[in-house]
C-alpha atoms as a PDB file:
ATOM      1  CA  MET A   1     -25.698 -14.527  -1.665  1.00  0.00           C
ATOM      2  CA  THR A   2     -25.762 -12.753  -5.015  1.00  0.00           C
ATOM      3  CA  LYS A   3     -23.100 -13.731  -7.499  1.00  0.00           C
ATOM      4  CA  ARG A   4     -21.656 -11.283  -9.946  1.00  0.00           C
ATOM      5  CA  LYS A   5     -22.742 -11.789 -13.519  1.00  0.00           C
ATOM      6  CA  PRO A   6     -19.934 -12.937 -15.797  1.00  0.00           C
ATOM      7  CA  ILE A   7     -18.604 -10.215 -18.060  1.00  0.00           C
ATOM      8  CA  LYS A   8     -18.034 -10.836 -21.719  1.00  0.00           C
ATOM      9  CA  VAL A   9     -14.453  -9.912 -22.403  1.00  0.00           C
ATOM     10  CA  THR A  10     -13.350  -8.524 -25.719  1.00  0.00           C
ATOM     11  CA  ALA A  11      -9.614  -8.955 -25.916  1.00  0.00           C
ATOM     12  CA  LYS A  12      -7.743  -5.713 -26.400  1.00  0.00           C
ATOM     13  CA  PRO A  13      -4.060  -5.340 -27.147  1.00  0.00           C
ATOM     14  CA  ALA A  14      -2.132  -4.542 -23.993  1.00  0.00           C
ATOM     15  CA  LYS A  15      -1.150  -0.917 -23.643  1.00  0.00           C
ATOM     16  CA  PRO A  16       2.593  -0.497 -24.035  1.00  0.00           C
ATOM     17  CA  ALA A  17       4.311   0.216 -20.739  1.00  0.00           C
ATOM     18  CA  LYS A  18       5.838   3.681 -21.184  1.00  0.00           C
ATOM     19  CA  ARG A  19       6.949   4.420 -17.633  1.00  0.00           C
ATOM     20  CA  GLY A  20       7.916   0.969 -16.481  1.00  0.00           C
ATOM     21  CA  LEU A  21       6.098  -2.060 -15.188  1.00  0.00           C
ATOM     22  CA  LYS A  22       4.429  -1.513 -11.841  1.00  0.00           C
ATOM     23  CA  SER A  23       2.843  -4.100  -9.613  1.00  0.00           C
ATOM     24  CA  PRO A  24      -0.964  -4.209  -9.320  1.00  0.00           C
ATOM     25  CA  PHE A  25      -0.481  -4.891  -5.601  1.00  0.00           C
ATOM     26  CA  ARG A  26      -0.180  -2.373  -2.841  1.00  0.00           C
ATOM     27  CA  TYR A  27       1.807  -4.958  -0.971  1.00  0.00           C
ATOM     28  CA  ALA A  28       2.689  -4.827   2.717  1.00  0.00           C
ATOM     29  CA  GLY A  29       6.470  -4.768   2.755  1.00  0.00           C
ATOM     30  CA  GLY A  30       6.586  -4.080  -0.983  1.00  0.00           C
ATOM     31  CA  LYS A  31       9.787  -2.788  -2.548  1.00  0.00           C
ATOM     32  CA  SER A  32       8.643  -0.078  -4.973  1.00  0.00           C
ATOM     33  CA  TRP A  33      10.759   2.380  -2.943  1.00  0.00           C
ATOM     34  CA  PHE A  34      13.836   0.206  -3.499  1.00  0.00           C
ATOM     35  CA  VAL A  35      13.618  -0.114  -7.301  1.00  0.00           C
ATOM     36  CA  LYS A  36      16.191   2.596  -8.052  1.00  0.00           C
ATOM     37  CA  THR A  37      18.799   1.011  -5.757  1.00  0.00           C
ATOM     38  CA  ALA A  38      18.141  -2.498  -7.090  1.00  0.00           C
ATOM     39  CA  CYS A  39      18.528  -1.272 -10.674  1.00  0.00           C
ATOM     40  CA  LYS A  40      21.850   0.334  -9.777  1.00  0.00           C
ATOM     41  CA  TRP A  41      22.986  -3.032  -8.401  1.00  0.00           C
ATOM     42  CA  LEU A  42      21.911  -4.803 -11.596  1.00  0.00           C
ATOM     43  CA  LYS A  43      23.606  -2.235 -13.871  1.00  0.00           C
ATOM     44  CA  ASN A  44      26.924  -2.914 -12.167  1.00  0.00           C
ATOM     45  CA  GLN A  45      26.921  -6.663 -12.797  1.00  0.00           C
ATOM     46  CA  THR A  46      29.699  -7.940 -15.059  1.00  0.00           C
ATOM     47  CA  PRO A  47      28.927  -9.759 -17.222  1.00  0.00           C
ATOM     48  CA  ARG A  48      25.340  -8.608 -17.631  1.00  0.00           C
ATOM     49  CA  PRO A  49      23.083 -11.148 -15.875  1.00  0.00           C
ATOM     50  CA  LYS A  50      20.673 -13.172 -17.956  1.00  0.00           C
ATOM     51  CA  LEU A  51      18.369 -14.123 -15.096  1.00  0.00           C
ATOM     52  CA  LEU A  52      17.139 -12.428 -11.927  1.00  0.00           C
ATOM     53  CA  VAL A  53      15.757 -14.724  -9.230  1.00  0.00           C
ATOM     54  CA  GLU A  54      13.306 -13.236  -6.705  1.00  0.00           C
ATOM     55  CA  PRO A  55      12.298 -16.056  -4.328  1.00  0.00           C
ATOM     56  CA  PHE A  56       9.923 -14.132  -2.031  1.00  0.00           C
ATOM     57  CA  ALA A  57       8.258 -11.991  -4.661  1.00  0.00           C
ATOM     58  CA  GLY A  58       5.058 -10.585  -3.180  1.00  0.00           C
ATOM     59  CA  GLY A  59       4.378  -7.606  -5.446  1.00  0.00           C
ATOM     60  CA  ALA A  60       7.489  -8.481  -7.545  1.00  0.00           C
ATOM     61  CA  ASN A  61       8.439  -4.848  -8.188  1.00  0.00           C
ATOM     62  CA  ILE A  62      12.129  -5.650  -8.643  1.00  0.00           C
ATOM     63  CA  SER A  63      11.507  -8.423 -11.178  1.00  0.00           C
ATOM     64  CA  LEU A  64       9.112  -6.228 -13.161  1.00  0.00           C
ATOM     65  CA  SER A  65      11.541  -3.301 -13.266  1.00  0.00           C
ATOM     66  CA  ALA A  66      14.496  -5.519 -14.184  1.00  0.00           C
ATOM     67  CA  VAL A  67      12.855  -6.999 -17.291  1.00  0.00           C
ATOM     68  CA  PHE A  68      11.327  -3.698 -18.391  1.00  0.00           C
ATOM     69  CA  THR A  69      14.660  -1.865 -18.262  1.00  0.00           C
ATOM     70  CA  GLN A  70      16.377  -4.844 -19.966  1.00  0.00           C
ATOM     71  CA  LEU A  71      18.884  -5.217 -17.152  1.00  0.00           C
ATOM     72  CA  VAL A  72      18.202  -8.967 -17.366  1.00  0.00           C
ATOM     73  CA  ASP A  73      16.743 -11.198 -20.079  1.00  0.00           C
ATOM     74  CA  ARG A  74      14.287 -12.913 -17.745  1.00  0.00           C
ATOM     75  CA  ALA A  75      13.108 -12.950 -14.154  1.00  0.00           C
ATOM     76  CA  ALA A  76      12.078 -16.039 -12.195  1.00  0.00           C
ATOM     77  CA  PHE A  77       9.984 -15.280  -9.135  1.00  0.00           C
ATOM     78  CA  ALA A  78       7.964 -17.248  -6.620  1.00  0.00           C
ATOM     79  CA  GLU A  79       5.275 -16.749  -4.002  1.00  0.00           C
ATOM     80  CA  LEU A  80       3.779 -19.364  -1.697  1.00  0.00           C
ATOM     81  CA  ASP A  81       0.535 -17.573  -0.797  1.00  0.00           C
ATOM     82  CA  ARG A  82      -2.152 -19.197  -2.948  1.00  0.00           C
ATOM     83  CA  ASP A  83      -4.137 -15.990  -3.510  1.00  0.00           C
ATOM     84  CA  VAL A  84      -1.110 -13.957  -4.566  1.00  0.00           C
ATOM     85  CA  ALA A  85       0.076 -16.885  -6.686  1.00  0.00           C
ATOM     86  CA  ALA A  86      -3.333 -17.100  -8.377  1.00  0.00           C
ATOM     87  CA  THR A  87      -3.040 -13.429  -9.282  1.00  0.00           C
ATOM     88  CA  TRP A  88       0.346 -13.797 -10.940  1.00  0.00           C
ATOM     89  CA  LYS A  89      -0.734 -16.944 -12.762  1.00  0.00           C
ATOM     90  CA  THR A  90      -3.876 -15.216 -14.020  1.00  0.00           C
ATOM     91  CA  ILE A  91      -1.896 -12.234 -15.326  1.00  0.00           C
ATOM     92  CA  LEU A  92       0.756 -14.366 -17.011  1.00  0.00           C
ATOM     93  CA  ASN A  93      -1.230 -17.413 -18.138  1.00  0.00           C
ATOM     94  CA  GLY A  94      -4.089 -16.129 -20.256  1.00  0.00           C
ATOM     95  CA  HIS A  95      -6.728 -14.377 -18.134  1.00  0.00           C
ATOM     96  CA  ALA A  96      -5.216 -10.903 -17.842  1.00  0.00           C
ATOM     97  CA  ASP A  97      -7.920  -9.319 -20.036  1.00  0.00           C
ATOM     98  CA  TRP A  98     -10.660 -10.900 -17.933  1.00  0.00           C
ATOM     99  CA  LEU A  99      -9.078  -9.700 -14.706  1.00  0.00           C
ATOM    100  CA  ALA A 100      -8.579  -6.168 -16.035  1.00  0.00           C
ATOM    101  CA  SER A 101     -12.224  -6.025 -17.170  1.00  0.00           C
ATOM    102  CA  GLU A 102     -13.497  -7.229 -13.805  1.00  0.00           C
ATOM    103  CA  ILE A 103     -11.539  -4.546 -12.015  1.00  0.00           C
ATOM    104  CA  ARG A 104     -12.650  -1.769 -14.356  1.00  0.00           C
ATOM    105  CA  SER A 105     -16.322  -2.737 -14.042  1.00  0.00           C
ATOM    106  CA  PHE A 106     -16.511  -3.270 -10.276  1.00  0.00           C
ATOM    107  CA  ARG A 107     -18.610  -0.581  -8.562  1.00  0.00           C
ATOM    108  CA  ILE A 108     -16.921  -0.161  -5.248  1.00  0.00           C
ATOM    109  CA  SER A 109     -18.841   0.270  -1.999  1.00  0.00           C
ATOM    110  CA  ARG A 110     -18.393  -1.213   1.435  1.00  0.00           C
ATOM    111  CA  PRO A 111     -21.398  -3.606   1.153  1.00  0.00           C
ATOM    112  CA  ARG A 112     -20.246  -4.843  -2.283  1.00  0.00           C
ATOM    113  CA  VAL A 113     -16.663  -5.333  -1.107  1.00  0.00           C
ATOM    114  CA  GLU A 114     -17.772  -7.197   2.027  1.00  0.00           C
ATOM    115  CA  GLU A 115     -20.079  -9.392  -0.042  1.00  0.00           C
ATOM    116  CA  GLN A 116     -17.392 -10.231  -2.573  1.00  0.00           C
ATOM    117  CA  LEU A 117     -14.806 -11.065   0.060  1.00  0.00           C
ATOM    118  CA  GLN A 118     -17.159 -13.618   1.612  1.00  0.00           C
ATOM    119  CA  ARG A 119     -17.399 -15.516  -1.659  1.00  0.00           C
ATOM    120  CA  LYS A 120     -15.566 -18.751  -2.324  1.00  0.00           C
ATOM    121  CA  PRO A 121     -13.820 -18.367  -5.697  1.00  0.00           C
ATOM    122  CA  ALA A 122     -14.884 -20.842  -8.359  1.00  0.00           C
ATOM    123  CA  SER A 123     -11.701 -20.511 -10.426  1.00  0.00           C
ATOM    124  CA  GLN A 124      -8.127 -19.340 -10.239  1.00  0.00           C
ATOM    125  CA  HIS A 125      -8.873 -16.057 -11.994  1.00  0.00           C
ATOM    126  CA  GLU A 126     -11.801 -15.330  -9.645  1.00  0.00           C
ATOM    127  CA  ARG A 127      -9.415 -15.936  -6.740  1.00  0.00           C
ATOM    128  CA  ALA A 128      -7.077 -13.388  -8.359  1.00  0.00           C
ATOM    129  CA  PHE A 129      -9.813 -10.748  -8.529  1.00  0.00           C
ATOM    130  CA  LEU A 130     -10.737 -11.277  -4.873  1.00  0.00           C
ATOM    131  CA  CYS A 131      -7.077 -11.124  -3.862  1.00  0.00           C
ATOM    132  CA  LEU A 132      -6.555  -7.757  -5.540  1.00  0.00           C
ATOM    133  CA  LEU A 133      -9.854  -6.472  -4.163  1.00  0.00           C
ATOM    134  CA  ARG A 134      -8.822  -7.377  -0.632  1.00  0.00           C
ATOM    135  CA  ASN A 135      -5.290  -6.075  -1.118  1.00  0.00           C
ATOM    136  CA  ARG A 136      -6.506  -2.726  -2.378  1.00  0.00           C
ATOM    137  CA  THR A 137      -9.249  -2.232   0.230  1.00  0.00           C
ATOM    138  CA  ALA A 138      -7.576  -3.638   3.367  1.00  0.00           C
ATOM    139  CA  ARG A 139      -5.703  -1.450   5.802  1.00  0.00           C
ATOM    140  CA  GLY A 140      -2.036  -1.370   4.786  1.00  0.00           C
ATOM    141  CA  GLY A 141      -2.702  -3.766   1.905  1.00  0.00           C
ATOM    142  CA  VAL A 142      -2.571  -6.715   4.319  1.00  0.00           C
ATOM    143  CA  ILE A 143      -4.249  -9.831   2.907  1.00  0.00           C
ATOM    144  CA  ALA A 144      -3.605 -12.133   5.877  1.00  0.00           C
ATOM    145  CA  GLU A 145      -6.607 -13.397   7.838  1.00  0.00           C
ATOM    146  CA  GLY A 146      -8.053 -10.880  10.253  1.00  0.00           C
ATOM    147  CA  ALA A 147      -7.000  -7.792   8.303  1.00  0.00           C
ATOM    148  CA  GLY A 148      -9.653  -5.087   8.445  1.00  0.00           C
ATOM    149  CA  LEU A 149     -10.899  -2.871   5.630  1.00  0.00           C
ATOM    150  CA  ILE A 150      -9.880   0.753   5.194  1.00  0.00           C
ATOM    151  CA  ARG A 151     -12.208   3.126   7.012  1.00  0.00           C
ATOM    152  CA  LYS A 152     -11.384   6.805   6.573  1.00  0.00           C
ATOM    153  CA  GLY A 153      -8.471   6.317   4.197  1.00  0.00           C
ATOM    154  CA  GLU A 154      -6.561   9.124   2.518  1.00  0.00           C
ATOM    155  CA  ASP A 155      -8.430  12.445   2.411  1.00  0.00           C
ATOM    156  CA  GLY A 156     -11.507  10.661   3.771  1.00  0.00           C
ATOM    157  CA  ARG A 157     -11.943   8.641   0.557  1.00  0.00           C
ATOM    158  CA  GLY A 158     -12.466   5.364   2.415  1.00  0.00           C
ATOM    159  CA  LEU A 159     -12.225   2.235   0.272  1.00  0.00           C
ATOM    160  CA  ARG A 160     -11.495   4.337  -2.812  1.00  0.00           C
ATOM    161  CA  SER A 161      -8.192   5.473  -1.303  1.00  0.00           C
ATOM    162  CA  ARG A 162      -6.228   2.698  -3.046  1.00  0.00           C
ATOM    163  CA  TRP A 163      -8.780   1.453  -5.594  1.00  0.00           C
ATOM    164  CA  TYR A 164      -7.766   2.966  -8.932  1.00  0.00           C
ATOM    165  CA  PRO A 165      -9.504   0.596 -11.375  1.00  0.00           C
ATOM    166  CA  GLN A 166      -8.140   1.953 -14.649  1.00  0.00           C
ATOM    167  CA  THR A 167      -4.583   2.211 -13.311  1.00  0.00           C
ATOM    168  CA  ILE A 168      -4.661  -1.309 -11.857  1.00  0.00           C
ATOM    169  CA  ALA A 169      -6.151  -2.706 -15.081  1.00  0.00           C
ATOM    170  CA  ASP A 170      -3.496  -0.971 -17.191  1.00  0.00           C
ATOM    171  CA  ARG A 171      -0.752  -2.412 -15.001  1.00  0.00           C
ATOM    172  CA  ILE A 172      -2.168  -5.908 -15.442  1.00  0.00           C
ATOM    173  CA  THR A 173      -2.299  -5.707 -19.237  1.00  0.00           C
ATOM    174  CA  ALA A 174       1.161  -4.151 -19.419  1.00  0.00           C
ATOM    175  CA  ILE A 175       2.674  -6.935 -17.297  1.00  0.00           C
ATOM    176  CA  SER A 176       0.910  -9.534 -19.432  1.00  0.00           C
ATOM    177  CA  SER A 177       2.676  -8.179 -22.519  1.00  0.00           C
ATOM    178  CA  PHE A 178       6.003  -9.147 -20.875  1.00  0.00           C
ATOM    179  CA  LYS A 179       4.899 -12.656 -19.919  1.00  0.00           C
ATOM    180  CA  LYS A 180       7.559 -14.372 -22.054  1.00  0.00           C
ATOM    181  CA  LYS A 181      10.223 -12.791 -19.825  1.00  0.00           C
ATOM    182  CA  LEU A 182       8.521 -13.564 -16.496  1.00  0.00           C
ATOM    183  CA  ASP A 183       8.622 -17.082 -15.050  1.00  0.00           C
ATOM    184  CA  PHE A 184       6.355 -17.452 -12.045  1.00  0.00           C
ATOM    185  CA  GLY A 185       5.787 -20.476  -9.843  1.00  0.00           C
ATOM    186  CA  ARG A 186       3.881 -21.059  -6.644  1.00  0.00           C
ATOM    187  CA  GLU A 187       6.671 -22.595  -4.631  1.00  0.00           C
ATOM    188  CA  ASP A 188       8.830 -22.146  -1.580  1.00  0.00           C
ATOM    189  CA  GLY A 189      11.516 -19.499  -2.025  1.00  0.00           C
ATOM    190  CA  PHE A 190      14.243 -21.888  -0.865  1.00  0.00           C
ATOM    191  CA  THR A 191      13.274 -24.288  -3.661  1.00  0.00           C
ATOM    192  CA  LEU A 192      13.587 -21.560  -6.286  1.00  0.00           C
ATOM    193  CA  ILE A 193      17.023 -20.509  -5.015  1.00  0.00           C
ATOM    194  CA  LYS A 194      18.317 -24.073  -5.085  1.00  0.00           C
ATOM    195  CA  LYS A 195      16.973 -24.558  -8.596  1.00  0.00           C
ATOM    196  CA  HIS A 196      19.207 -21.758  -9.897  1.00  0.00           C
ATOM    197  CA  GLN A 197      22.059 -21.662  -7.382  1.00  0.00           C
ATOM    198  CA  HIS A 198      24.747 -23.036  -9.722  1.00  0.00           C
ATOM    199  CA  LYS A 199      23.765 -21.114 -12.859  1.00  0.00           C
ATOM    200  CA  LYS A 200      26.124 -18.558 -14.330  1.00  0.00           C
ATOM    201  CA  ASN A 201      24.941 -15.037 -15.140  1.00  0.00           C
ATOM    202  CA  THR A 202      22.196 -15.368 -12.532  1.00  0.00           C
ATOM    203  CA  VAL A 203      21.648 -12.940  -9.654  1.00  0.00           C
ATOM    204  CA  PHE A 204      19.390 -13.110  -6.615  1.00  0.00           C
ATOM    205  CA  PHE A 205      17.263 -10.365  -5.098  1.00  0.00           C
ATOM    206  CA  VAL A 206      15.964 -11.670  -1.774  1.00  0.00           C
ATOM    207  CA  ASP A 207      13.335  -9.829   0.294  1.00  0.00           C
ATOM    208  CA  PRO A 208      12.132 -12.456   2.804  1.00  0.00           C
ATOM    209  CA  PRO A 209       9.403 -12.109   5.432  1.00  0.00           C
ATOM    210  CA  TYR A 210      11.063  -9.969   8.080  1.00  0.00           C
ATOM    211  CA  THR A 211      11.850 -11.368  11.509  1.00  0.00           C
ATOM    212  CA  LYS A 212       9.650  -8.944  13.488  1.00  0.00           C
ATOM    213  CA  ALA A 213       6.644  -7.750  11.461  1.00  0.00           C
ATOM    214  CA  ALA A 214       6.019 -10.737   9.182  1.00  0.00           C
ATOM    215  CA  ARG A 215       3.628 -12.585  11.511  1.00  0.00           C
ATOM    216  CA  ARG A 216       0.922  -9.923  11.193  1.00  0.00           C
ATOM    217  CA  LEU A 217       1.471  -9.222   7.490  1.00  0.00           C
ATOM    218  CA  TYR A 218       1.645 -12.582   5.721  1.00  0.00           C
ATOM    219  CA  ARG A 219       0.121 -16.036   5.804  1.00  0.00           C
ATOM    220  CA  HIS A 220       3.469 -17.725   5.193  1.00  0.00           C
ATOM    221  CA  TRP A 221       5.664 -15.706   7.495  1.00  0.00           C
ATOM    222  CA  GLU A 222       7.783 -18.319   9.245  1.00  0.00           C
ATOM    223  CA  ILE A 223      11.078 -19.258   7.579  1.00  0.00           C
ATOM    224  CA  ASP A 224      14.501 -20.475   8.665  1.00  0.00           C
ATOM    225  CA  HIS A 225      16.397 -17.194   8.369  1.00  0.00           C
ATOM    226  CA  GLU A 226      19.836 -18.561   9.196  1.00  0.00           C
ATOM    227  CA  ASN A 227      19.415 -21.320   6.617  1.00  0.00           C
ATOM    228  CA  LEU A 228      18.551 -18.666   4.037  1.00  0.00           C
ATOM    229  CA  PHE A 229      21.928 -17.004   4.644  1.00  0.00           C
ATOM    230  CA  ARG A 230      23.637 -20.408   4.510  1.00  0.00           C
ATOM    231  CA  ILE A 231      22.109 -21.257   1.119  1.00  0.00           C
ATOM    232  CA  LEU A 232      22.751 -17.830  -0.388  1.00  0.00           C
ATOM    233  CA  GLN A 233      26.403 -18.047   0.639  1.00  0.00           C
ATOM    234  CA  GLN A 234      26.692 -20.978  -1.774  1.00  0.00           C
ATOM    235  CA  VAL A 235      25.064 -19.501  -4.900  1.00  0.00           C
ATOM    236  CA  ALA A 236      27.279 -18.789  -7.889  1.00  0.00           C
ATOM    237  CA  GLY A 237      25.852 -15.360  -8.691  1.00  0.00           C
ATOM    238  CA  ASP A 238      25.656 -12.071  -6.821  1.00  0.00           C
ATOM    239  CA  VAL A 239      23.128 -11.485  -4.041  1.00  0.00           C
ATOM    240  CA  LEU A 240      21.261  -8.433  -2.776  1.00  0.00           C
ATOM    241  CA  MET A 241      19.034  -8.826   0.268  1.00  0.00           C
ATOM    242  CA  THR A 242      16.788  -6.498   2.243  1.00  0.00           C
ATOM    243  CA  TYR A 243      16.023  -7.174   5.911  1.00  0.00           C
ATOM    244  CA  ASP A 244      14.853  -5.593   9.115  1.00  0.00           C
ATOM    245  CA  ASP A 245      17.674  -4.221  11.245  1.00  0.00           C
ATOM    246  CA  THR A 246      18.133  -6.653  14.140  1.00  0.00           C
ATOM    247  CA  SER A 247      21.150  -8.010  15.957  1.00  0.00           C
ATOM    248  CA  GLU A 248      20.317 -11.548  14.760  1.00  0.00           C
ATOM    249  CA  VAL A 249      20.250 -10.531  11.101  1.00  0.00           C
ATOM    250  CA  ARG A 250      23.554  -8.665  11.451  1.00  0.00           C
ATOM    251  CA  GLN A 251      25.113 -11.714  13.123  1.00  0.00           C
ATOM    252  CA  TRP A 252      23.943 -14.099  10.380  1.00  0.00           C
ATOM    253  CA  ALA A 253      25.363 -11.746   7.760  1.00  0.00           C
ATOM    254  CA  ARG A 254      28.769 -11.719   9.481  1.00  0.00           C
ATOM    255  CA  THR A 255      28.751 -15.482  10.000  1.00  0.00           C
ATOM    256  CA  TYR A 256      28.138 -16.223   6.330  1.00  0.00           C
ATOM    257  CA  GLY A 257      30.444 -13.607   4.855  1.00  0.00           C
ATOM    258  CA  PHE A 258      28.033 -10.886   3.768  1.00  0.00           C
ATOM    259  CA  GLN A 259      28.451  -7.138   4.061  1.00  0.00           C
ATOM    260  CA  VAL A 260      25.759  -4.926   5.616  1.00  0.00           C
ATOM    261  CA  LYS A 261      24.650  -1.338   5.013  1.00  0.00           C
ATOM    262  CA  THR A 262      21.650   0.604   6.278  1.00  0.00           C
ATOM    263  CA  ILE A 263      19.083   2.322   4.086  1.00  0.00           C
ATOM    264  CA  SER A 264      16.174   4.583   5.001  1.00  0.00           C
ATOM    265  CA  MET A 265      12.660   4.041   3.689  1.00  0.00           C
ATOM    266  CA  ARG A 266       9.231   5.599   4.155  1.00  0.00           C
ATOM    267  CA  THR A 267       6.455   3.403   5.568  1.00  0.00           C
ATOM    268  CA  THR A 268       2.821   3.453   4.429  1.00  0.00           C
ATOM    269  CA  HIS A 269       2.198   5.697   7.459  1.00  0.00           C
ATOM    270  CA  HIS A 270       4.810   8.185   6.146  1.00  0.00           C
ATOM    271  CA  LYS A 271       7.334   7.420   8.865  1.00  0.00           C
ATOM    272  CA  THR A 272      11.053   7.036   8.200  1.00  0.00           C
ATOM    273  CA  LYS A 273      12.374   3.582   9.032  1.00  0.00           C
ATOM    274  CA  ARG A 274      15.836   2.045   8.837  1.00  0.00           C
ATOM    275  CA  GLU A 275      16.332  -1.276   7.045  1.00  0.00           C
ATOM    276  CA  LEU A 276      19.355  -3.317   6.018  1.00  0.00           C
ATOM    277  CA  MET A 277      20.875  -4.000   2.617  1.00  0.00           C
ATOM    278  CA  ILE A 278      22.989  -7.144   2.561  1.00  0.00           C
ATOM    279  CA  SER A 279      25.307  -8.137  -0.272  1.00  0.00           C
ATOM    280  CA  LYS A 280      28.490 -10.054  -1.011  1.00  0.00           C
ATOM    281  CA  ASP A 281      30.223  -6.773  -1.861  1.00  0.00           C
ATOM    282  CA  PHE A 282      29.071  -3.156  -2.062  1.00  0.00           C
ATOM    283  CA  GLY A 283      31.503  -1.963  -4.699  1.00  0.00           C
ATOM    284  CA  TRP A 284      28.531  -1.387  -7.001  1.00  0.00           C
ATOM    285  CA  LEU A 285      27.307   1.474  -4.801  1.00  0.00           C
ATOM    286  CA  LYS A 286      30.342   3.605  -5.756  1.00  0.00           C
ATOM    287  CA  SER A 287      30.850   2.378  -9.291  1.00  0.00           C
ATOM    288  CA  PRO A 288      30.775   5.096 -12.032  1.00  0.00           C
ATOM    289  CA  ARG A 289      29.547   2.370 -14.395  1.00  0.00           C
ATOM    290  CA  ALA A 290      26.411   1.958 -12.331  1.00  0.00           C
ATOM    291  CA  GLU A 291      25.674   5.674 -12.697  1.00  0.00           C
ATOM    292  CA  ASN A 292      26.488   6.068 -16.389  1.00  0.00           C
ATOM    293  CA  ARG A 293      25.188   2.964 -18.114  1.00  0.00           C
END
């Protein structure tokens, strides 16, 4: 099997992020559609939170937006999947320029993609490249085993439907420029919550693997959902959760003293779907301060 020749990387200063920090992932279950609501929640926190904790980060859109808009000083986020974790570590720990160059130079075709995805990565940053390649060429962005590649795609563009090399590379370098404000660790989300549960001026955005669809979307899909509610009931700071709308989730919320509201979202197949927002209190939704700050 042919290996790709290493590319000599000339470090370039990261482009300043003018329109916000956006994830390089097209992540199944990602929360780019929820950024505006999450920012409204953060704006209404008194006092202003210093730290946002995102224990099941995936594409980490909420953490990225929170630090860019200066609604928090720092964000701590975690992901257990080793490929996704390798990507975040590569972006934040010194190989962002290499990863951006690899993405810009890759000549996409089905044979090349299939060949690359059969390779065993020799380093963490090579694992990151393969993770993003799979994420951006798989149907629905699913990176779990068994996920197939895009065939027709949008407007018949096939694998190019979600492979925007310059855009993805620019996102990587922009995120890297904020690395002092982003603390990432490959760890269980419960561990990250417990690490910060007693800290003041700390808030928690929690988007766990959902109870119904998670099995087919993620490698690490099985969690103790009721225990998650139990632990979050005990944290010192405010909590905002997103969940699938099931009777079990609504019951856990009631049992552990959380309030529930529904919110509509658009799926990757352009269908409207109802999900749940769960919080200790929803006063922030009506607060004039949240609108005017």
